[in-house]
Amino acid sequence: MKVAIFSTKPYDREFLTNANSALTQPHELVFHETQLNPQSALLAQGCTAVCCFVNDHLDATALQQLTNLGVKLIALRCAGFNQVDLVAAKNLGIVVARVAEYSPHAVAEHALGLILMLNRNLHRAYHRVRENDYSLNGLLGFDMVNKTVAVIGTGKIGQVFAKIVQGLGCRVIAYDPQPAPILAANGVNYVALSDIWPTADIISLHCPLDKNTHHLINADAISLMKAGVMLINTGRGGLIDTPAVIGGLKSKKIGYLGLDVYEEEGDLFFEDNSNLLLQDDVFARLLTFPNVVITGHQAFFTREALTAIAAITLANITHFEREELSQMCIVN
């Protein structure tokens, strides 16, 4: 099958090419660096499938153009699917498949890394030492043991994260409309969101972005949180209302903020913008806080995860070609 692959970087080409070459019947992969949107959809000419990532724009207009070109499958090489108009895709007869699980350890471990960096001020200490400054003022942290960590979203990633912080001696509470029995059996207490806000010392977001979770972290929720709470988001940028979080940082209600995602990241992340002026005033404001650490959507970025993503993405394409839809992870 001929597949147009959008938003590709050298590492995407490496891992997808390696996985494709291992197939008995390899696909014809056409790589494009550009994002998929209504303007670039024509690049899928002659392809039966397109392969997309988190910041591609598959709205109704783009999907209609893909249908006109004969595209029948959208193979997402990510777990999230909020970038796709699923209703429009279904109405047009386009199948949308995703990578439901690749390496939950990659994202969960990155969330822990953000917590430890913020808590022990590792980002600030690193720069001090390089400047021959070994003072400790302003670098005071806290012991993780006995702290209450709230996990919002307990799919595979949330489950791994909960297990990790339990290993540090933390008390773990969780919220998910569909609780994971394995966590409940291992001492994780599921509570309502209204109970999480005033209780948690650390809140880590691992839920999908949909109409129910959009701006889950907002001014009202922040007002109910413990003073000095640590907020970690390795899920999707739209889970938090960024201006509200900035307000929380200014009032010191939020004591620490770790982000691997950002609501308007499509114009920033995955690109080298070092020679350009930063035009996003909200993002620029975040960067002024010493108690904020931001990474550029790299939580998934491990060798094991990229290997799994490539293999599962191509497996979805192969199953579609063979009309084995029951073996695909279809989201529409």
Protein backbone atom coordinates (compact mmCIF):
# COMPACT_ATOMS: atom_id res chain seq x y z
CA MET A 1 0.00 0.00 0.00
CA LYS A 2 1.23 3.50 -0.79
CA VAL A 3 1.28 5.67 2.33
CA ALA A 4 1.90 9.41 2.66
CA ILE A 5 3.61 10.09 5.98
CA PHE A 6 3.36 13.63 7.32
CA SER A 7 5.22 15.62 9.99
CA THR A 8 8.29 13.43 9.67
CA LYS A 9 11.70 13.97 11.20
CA PRO A 10 14.88 11.94 10.61
CA TYR A 11 14.04 9.64 13.52
CA ASP A 12 10.55 8.94 12.09
CA ARG A 13 12.06 7.97 8.76
CA GLU A 14 14.67 5.78 10.45
CA PHE A 15 12.30 3.76 12.61
CA LEU A 16 9.48 3.49 10.06
CA THR A 17 11.88 2.47 7.30
CA ASN A 18 13.47 -0.18 9.52
CA ALA A 19 10.10 -1.57 10.55
CA ASN A 20 8.85 -1.55 6.96
CA SER A 21 11.90 -3.39 5.66
CA ALA A 22 11.22 -6.20 8.13
CA LEU A 23 7.77 -6.87 6.64
CA THR A 24 7.20 -9.76 4.26
CA GLN A 25 5.30 -7.37 1.99
CA PRO A 26 6.64 -3.86 2.65
CA HIS A 27 4.53 -0.79 1.98
CA GLU A 28 5.53 2.13 -0.22
CA LEU A 29 6.27 4.94 2.20
CA VAL A 30 6.36 8.55 1.00
CA PHE A 31 7.77 10.90 3.64
CA HIS A 32 6.80 14.57 3.99
CA GLU A 33 8.21 16.99 6.56
CA THR A 34 5.17 19.27 6.39
CA GLN A 35 2.16 18.91 8.67
CA LEU A 36 -1.04 17.54 7.16
CA ASN A 37 -3.67 20.25 6.86
CA PRO A 38 -6.17 21.39 4.20
CA GLN A 39 -3.37 23.12 2.29
CA SER A 40 -0.95 20.17 2.24
CA ALA A 41 -3.50 17.38 1.77
CA LEU A 42 -2.75 17.29 -1.97
CA LEU A 43 0.58 15.66 -1.12
CA ALA A 44 -1.38 12.47 -0.50
CA GLN A 45 -2.17 12.19 -4.22
CA GLY A 46 -1.99 8.55 -5.28
CA CYS A 47 -1.92 7.19 -1.72
CA THR A 48 -4.50 4.95 -0.10
CA ALA A 49 -3.42 5.84 3.42
CA VAL A 50 -1.91 8.76 5.30
CA CYS A 51 0.16 8.48 8.46
CA CYS A 52 -0.09 11.43 10.86
CA PHE A 53 1.20 12.70 14.18
CA VAL A 54 -0.07 14.81 17.08
CA ASN A 55 0.02 18.27 15.47
CA ASP A 56 -1.44 17.43 12.09
CA HIS A 57 -4.81 19.04 11.37
CA LEU A 58 -7.39 16.57 10.15
CA ASP A 59 -10.51 18.69 10.20
CA ALA A 60 -13.55 18.17 7.98
CA THR A 61 -12.01 20.18 5.13
CA ALA A 62 -8.77 18.21 5.12
CA LEU A 63 -10.65 14.92 5.38
CA GLN A 64 -12.87 15.81 2.43
CA GLN A 65 -9.79 16.57 0.35
CA LEU A 66 -8.23 13.24 1.37
CA THR A 67 -11.43 11.44 0.38
CA ASN A 68 -11.37 13.15 -3.00
CA LEU A 69 -7.83 11.82 -3.48
CA GLY A 70 -8.89 8.26 -2.67
CA VAL A 71 -7.49 8.03 0.86
CA LYS A 72 -9.26 5.33 2.88
CA LEU A 73 -7.14 5.09 6.03
CA ILE A 74 -5.62 7.49 8.55
CA ALA A 75 -2.93 5.67 10.51
CA LEU A 76 -2.03 7.77 13.54
CA ARG A 77 1.42 7.08 14.95
CA CYS A 78 0.36 8.27 18.39
CA ALA A 79 -2.15 7.37 21.08
CA GLY A 80 -4.17 10.59 21.01
CA PHE A 81 -6.73 11.30 18.31
CA ASN A 82 -8.11 14.72 19.25
CA GLN A 83 -6.52 16.16 16.08
CA VAL A 84 -9.02 14.24 13.93
CA ASP A 85 -12.66 15.11 13.30
CA LEU A 86 -13.86 11.57 13.94
CA VAL A 87 -17.48 12.28 12.98
CA ALA A 88 -16.44 13.69 9.59
CA ALA A 89 -14.06 10.78 9.03
CA LYS A 90 -16.79 8.24 9.75
CA ASN A 91 -19.27 10.02 7.48
CA LEU A 92 -16.69 10.00 4.69
CA GLY A 93 -15.90 6.32 5.18
CA ILE A 94 -12.31 6.92 6.30
CA VAL A 95 -11.01 4.49 8.91
CA VAL A 96 -8.93 6.07 11.70
CA ALA A 97 -6.52 3.84 13.59
CA ARG A 98 -4.08 4.73 16.35
CA VAL A 99 -1.23 3.32 18.41
CA ALA A 100 -3.06 2.67 21.65
CA GLU A 101 -0.02 1.44 23.56
CA TYR A 102 3.66 1.70 22.71
CA SER A 103 5.77 2.28 25.82
CA PRO A 104 3.84 3.52 28.82
CA HIS A 105 7.13 3.46 30.72
CA ALA A 106 8.58 6.20 28.48
CA VAL A 107 5.92 8.77 29.36
CA ALA A 108 5.55 7.72 32.99
CA GLU A 109 9.31 7.94 33.58
CA HIS A 110 9.42 11.38 31.93
CA ALA A 111 6.69 12.58 34.28
CA LEU A 112 8.81 11.39 37.20
CA GLY A 113 11.80 13.21 35.72
CA LEU A 114 9.84 16.47 35.66
CA ILE A 115 8.79 15.95 39.28
CA LEU A 116 12.32 15.33 40.50
CA MET A 117 13.75 18.22 38.48
CA LEU A 118 11.20 20.66 39.86
CA ASN A 119 11.35 19.39 43.43
CA ARG A 120 15.14 19.42 43.71
CA ASN A 121 15.66 22.39 41.37
CA LEU A 122 17.99 20.35 39.18
CA HIS A 123 17.51 22.70 36.23
CA ARG A 124 18.67 25.66 38.29
CA ALA A 125 21.48 23.78 40.04
CA TYR A 126 22.89 22.62 36.69
CA HIS A 127 23.25 26.19 35.45
CA ARG A 128 24.67 27.43 38.76
CA VAL A 129 27.48 24.88 38.79
CA ARG A 130 28.40 25.66 35.20
CA GLU A 131 28.76 29.29 36.28
CA ASN A 132 31.00 28.27 39.22
CA ASP A 133 28.19 29.03 41.68
CA TYR A 134 27.75 26.31 44.31
CA SER A 135 25.36 28.12 46.64
CA LEU A 136 22.25 26.28 47.78
CA ASN A 137 19.94 29.20 48.50
CA GLY A 138 16.67 28.77 46.61
CA LEU A 139 17.26 25.09 45.83
CA LEU A 140 15.43 23.59 48.82
CA GLY A 141 13.31 20.55 47.97
CA PHE A 142 11.16 18.04 49.85
CA ASP A 143 11.14 14.30 50.47
CA MET A 144 8.76 12.45 48.16
CA VAL A 145 7.94 9.82 50.77
CA ASN A 146 4.45 10.19 52.30
CA LYS A 147 3.42 12.88 49.80
CA THR A 148 0.01 12.50 48.16
CA VAL A 149 0.22 12.09 44.39
CA ALA A 150 -2.95 12.28 42.31
CA VAL A 151 -3.06 10.44 39.00
CA ILE A 152 -5.78 11.70 36.68
CA GLY A 153 -6.28 9.08 33.98
CA THR A 154 -5.27 5.53 34.82
CA GLY A 155 -4.79 3.87 31.46
CA LYS A 156 -1.52 2.07 30.80
CA ILE A 157 0.63 5.19 31.33
CA GLY A 158 -1.21 6.26 34.46
CA GLN A 159 -0.91 2.76 35.90
CA VAL A 160 2.86 2.64 35.34
CA PHE A 161 3.27 6.13 36.79
CA ALA A 162 1.23 5.20 39.88
CA LYS A 163 3.42 2.16 40.46
CA ILE A 164 6.60 4.25 40.13
CA VAL A 165 5.56 6.85 42.69
CA GLN A 166 4.28 4.17 45.03
CA GLY A 167 7.83 2.81 44.92
CA LEU A 168 9.01 6.18 46.26
CA GLY A 169 6.72 5.82 49.24
CA CYS A 170 4.01 8.17 48.01
CA ARG A 171 0.33 7.83 48.82
CA VAL A 172 -1.49 7.57 45.48
CA ILE A 173 -5.03 8.67 44.79
CA ALA A 174 -6.62 8.58 41.35
CA TYR A 175 -9.51 9.66 39.21
CA ASP A 176 -10.79 7.87 36.13
CA PRO A 177 -14.35 7.20 34.94
CA GLN A 178 -13.20 3.59 34.45
CA PRO A 179 -11.04 2.64 37.43
CA ALA A 180 -8.27 0.08 36.92
CA PRO A 181 -8.89 -2.91 39.22
CA ILE A 182 -5.16 -3.64 39.42
CA LEU A 183 -4.48 -0.22 40.95
CA ALA A 184 -7.37 -0.46 43.40
CA ALA A 185 -6.05 -3.86 44.47
CA ASN A 186 -2.61 -2.35 45.07
CA GLY A 187 -3.57 0.44 47.40
CA VAL A 188 -4.58 3.24 45.02
CA ASN A 189 -7.69 5.02 46.26
CA TYR A 190 -10.06 6.24 43.53
CA VAL A 191 -11.76 9.50 44.46
CA ALA A 192 -13.82 12.26 42.85
CA LEU A 193 -12.05 15.19 41.21
CA SER A 194 -13.46 17.44 43.91
CA ASP A 195 -11.51 15.39 46.45
CA ILE A 196 -8.27 15.51 44.48
CA TRP A 197 -7.87 19.28 44.32
CA PRO A 198 -7.60 20.00 48.09
CA THR A 199 -5.75 16.77 48.90
CA ALA A 200 -2.92 16.25 46.40
CA ASP A 201 0.61 17.54 46.81
CA ILE A 202 1.35 16.53 43.23
CA ILE A 203 -1.15 16.18 40.37
CA SER A 204 -0.10 14.32 37.23
CA LEU A 205 -2.31 14.30 34.11
CA HIS A 206 -2.47 11.12 32.01
CA CYS A 207 -5.97 11.32 30.55
CA PRO A 208 -6.98 11.77 26.90
CA LEU A 209 -8.17 15.13 25.59
CA ASP A 210 -11.87 15.22 24.76
CA LYS A 211 -14.88 17.45 25.41
CA ASN A 212 -15.03 16.23 29.01
CA THR A 213 -11.37 16.87 29.83
CA HIS A 214 -10.73 20.07 27.86
CA HIS A 215 -9.40 22.65 30.35
CA LEU A 216 -9.86 20.18 33.18
CA ILE A 217 -7.34 22.32 35.04
CA ASN A 218 -9.02 25.73 35.13
CA ALA A 219 -9.34 28.68 37.49
CA ASP A 220 -12.06 27.01 39.55
CA ALA A 221 -10.06 23.80 40.01
CA ILE A 222 -6.87 25.72 40.84
CA SER A 223 -8.68 27.75 43.49
CA LEU A 224 -9.48 24.50 45.33
CA MET A 225 -5.94 23.08 45.22
CA LYS A 226 -3.45 23.00 48.07
CA ALA A 227 -1.15 26.01 48.20
CA GLY A 228 2.13 25.17 46.49
CA VAL A 229 0.77 22.17 44.58
CA MET A 230 2.92 20.62 41.85
CA LEU A 231 1.16 20.17 38.50
CA ILE A 232 2.55 17.83 35.82
CA ASN A 233 1.12 17.43 32.31
CA THR A 234 2.52 14.83 29.92
CA GLY A 235 -0.89 14.17 28.35
CA ARG A 236 -2.27 16.84 26.02
CA GLY A 237 -1.87 20.59 26.20
CA GLY A 238 -5.59 21.27 26.08
CA LEU A 239 -6.08 19.59 29.45
CA ILE A 240 -5.07 22.84 31.13
CA ASP A 241 -6.22 26.43 30.74
CA THR A 242 -2.78 28.02 30.43
CA PRO A 243 -3.74 31.61 31.37
CA ALA A 244 -5.45 30.21 34.47
CA VAL A 245 -2.31 28.25 35.35
CA ILE A 246 -0.20 31.40 34.93
CA GLY A 247 -2.56 33.08 37.37
CA GLY A 248 -2.02 30.18 39.76
CA LEU A 249 1.76 30.54 39.46
CA LYS A 250 1.59 34.27 40.14
CA SER A 251 -0.58 33.77 43.23
CA LYS A 252 1.73 30.92 44.37
CA LYS A 253 -1.22 28.53 44.53
CA ILE A 254 0.75 26.46 42.00
CA GLY A 255 4.24 26.01 43.40
CA TYR A 256 5.69 23.92 40.56
CA LEU A 257 4.67 23.33 36.95
CA GLY A 258 6.08 20.65 34.64
CA LEU A 259 4.85 20.50 31.05
CA ASP A 260 5.74 18.28 28.14
CA VAL A 261 2.76 19.51 26.14
CA TYR A 262 1.21 22.90 25.41
CA GLU A 263 -2.18 23.79 23.96
CA GLU A 264 -0.70 25.87 21.13
CA GLU A 265 2.34 23.68 20.61
CA GLY A 266 1.59 23.09 16.92
CA ASP A 267 3.43 26.28 15.99
CA LEU A 268 6.36 25.60 18.32
CA PHE A 269 7.25 22.03 19.11
CA PHE A 270 9.33 19.62 17.01
CA GLU A 271 11.03 22.50 15.17
CA ASP A 272 14.28 24.42 15.66
CA ASN A 273 13.07 28.00 16.16
CA SER A 274 16.27 29.22 17.80
CA ASN A 275 16.82 31.90 15.15
CA LEU A 276 13.24 33.19 15.35
CA LEU A 277 11.50 35.54 17.75
CA LEU A 278 9.00 33.85 20.04
CA GLN A 279 5.58 35.17 19.01
CA ASP A 280 3.46 33.32 21.59
CA ASP A 281 3.10 35.74 24.52
CA VAL A 282 1.45 33.15 26.77
CA PHE A 283 4.25 30.64 26.27
CA ALA A 284 6.83 33.40 26.74
CA ARG A 285 5.24 34.25 30.09
CA LEU A 286 5.52 30.63 31.22
CA LEU A 287 9.24 30.68 30.48
CA THR A 288 9.79 33.54 32.93
CA PHE A 289 8.97 31.45 36.01
CA PRO A 290 11.90 29.70 37.73
CA ASN A 291 9.54 27.02 39.07
CA VAL A 292 8.38 25.97 35.59
CA VAL A 293 10.07 23.27 33.49
CA ILE A 294 8.91 22.70 29.91
CA THR A 295 10.05 20.01 27.50
CA GLY A 296 9.02 19.90 23.85
CA HIS A 297 6.70 16.90 23.73
CA GLN A 298 9.53 14.43 24.20
CA ALA A 299 8.05 12.15 26.87
CA PHE A 300 7.43 9.44 24.26
CA PHE A 301 10.91 9.80 22.81
CA THR A 302 12.75 6.58 23.67
CA ARG A 303 14.21 3.98 21.37
CA GLU A 304 11.81 1.35 22.68
CA ALA A 305 8.78 3.59 22.15
CA LEU A 306 9.73 4.62 18.60
CA THR A 307 10.35 0.98 17.68
CA ALA A 308 6.91 0.00 18.98
CA ILE A 309 5.16 2.98 17.38
CA ALA A 310 6.61 2.17 13.96
CA ALA A 311 5.75 -1.52 14.23
CA ILE A 312 2.16 -0.96 15.41
CA THR A 313 1.51 1.79 12.86
CA LEU A 314 2.62 -0.42 9.98
CA ALA A 315 0.68 -3.37 11.43
CA ASN A 316 -2.49 -1.24 11.35
CA ILE A 317 -1.81 -0.43 7.69
CA THR A 318 -1.17 -4.09 6.85
CA HIS A 319 -4.34 -5.25 8.60
CA PHE A 320 -6.34 -2.62 6.73
CA GLU A 321 -4.89 -3.75 3.41
CA ARG A 322 -5.84 -7.35 4.25
CA GLU A 323 -9.31 -6.26 5.47
CA GLU A 324 -8.50 -7.51 8.98
CA LEU A 325 -10.22 -4.59 10.69
CA SER A 326 -10.83 -6.51 13.91
CA GLN A 327 -7.08 -6.61 14.49
CA MET A 328 -6.66 -2.84 14.21
CA CYS A 329 -7.01 -0.24 16.93
CA ILE A 330 -9.81 1.77 15.25
CA VAL A 331 -11.12 4.86 17.00
CA ASN A 332 -14.11 5.73 14.78
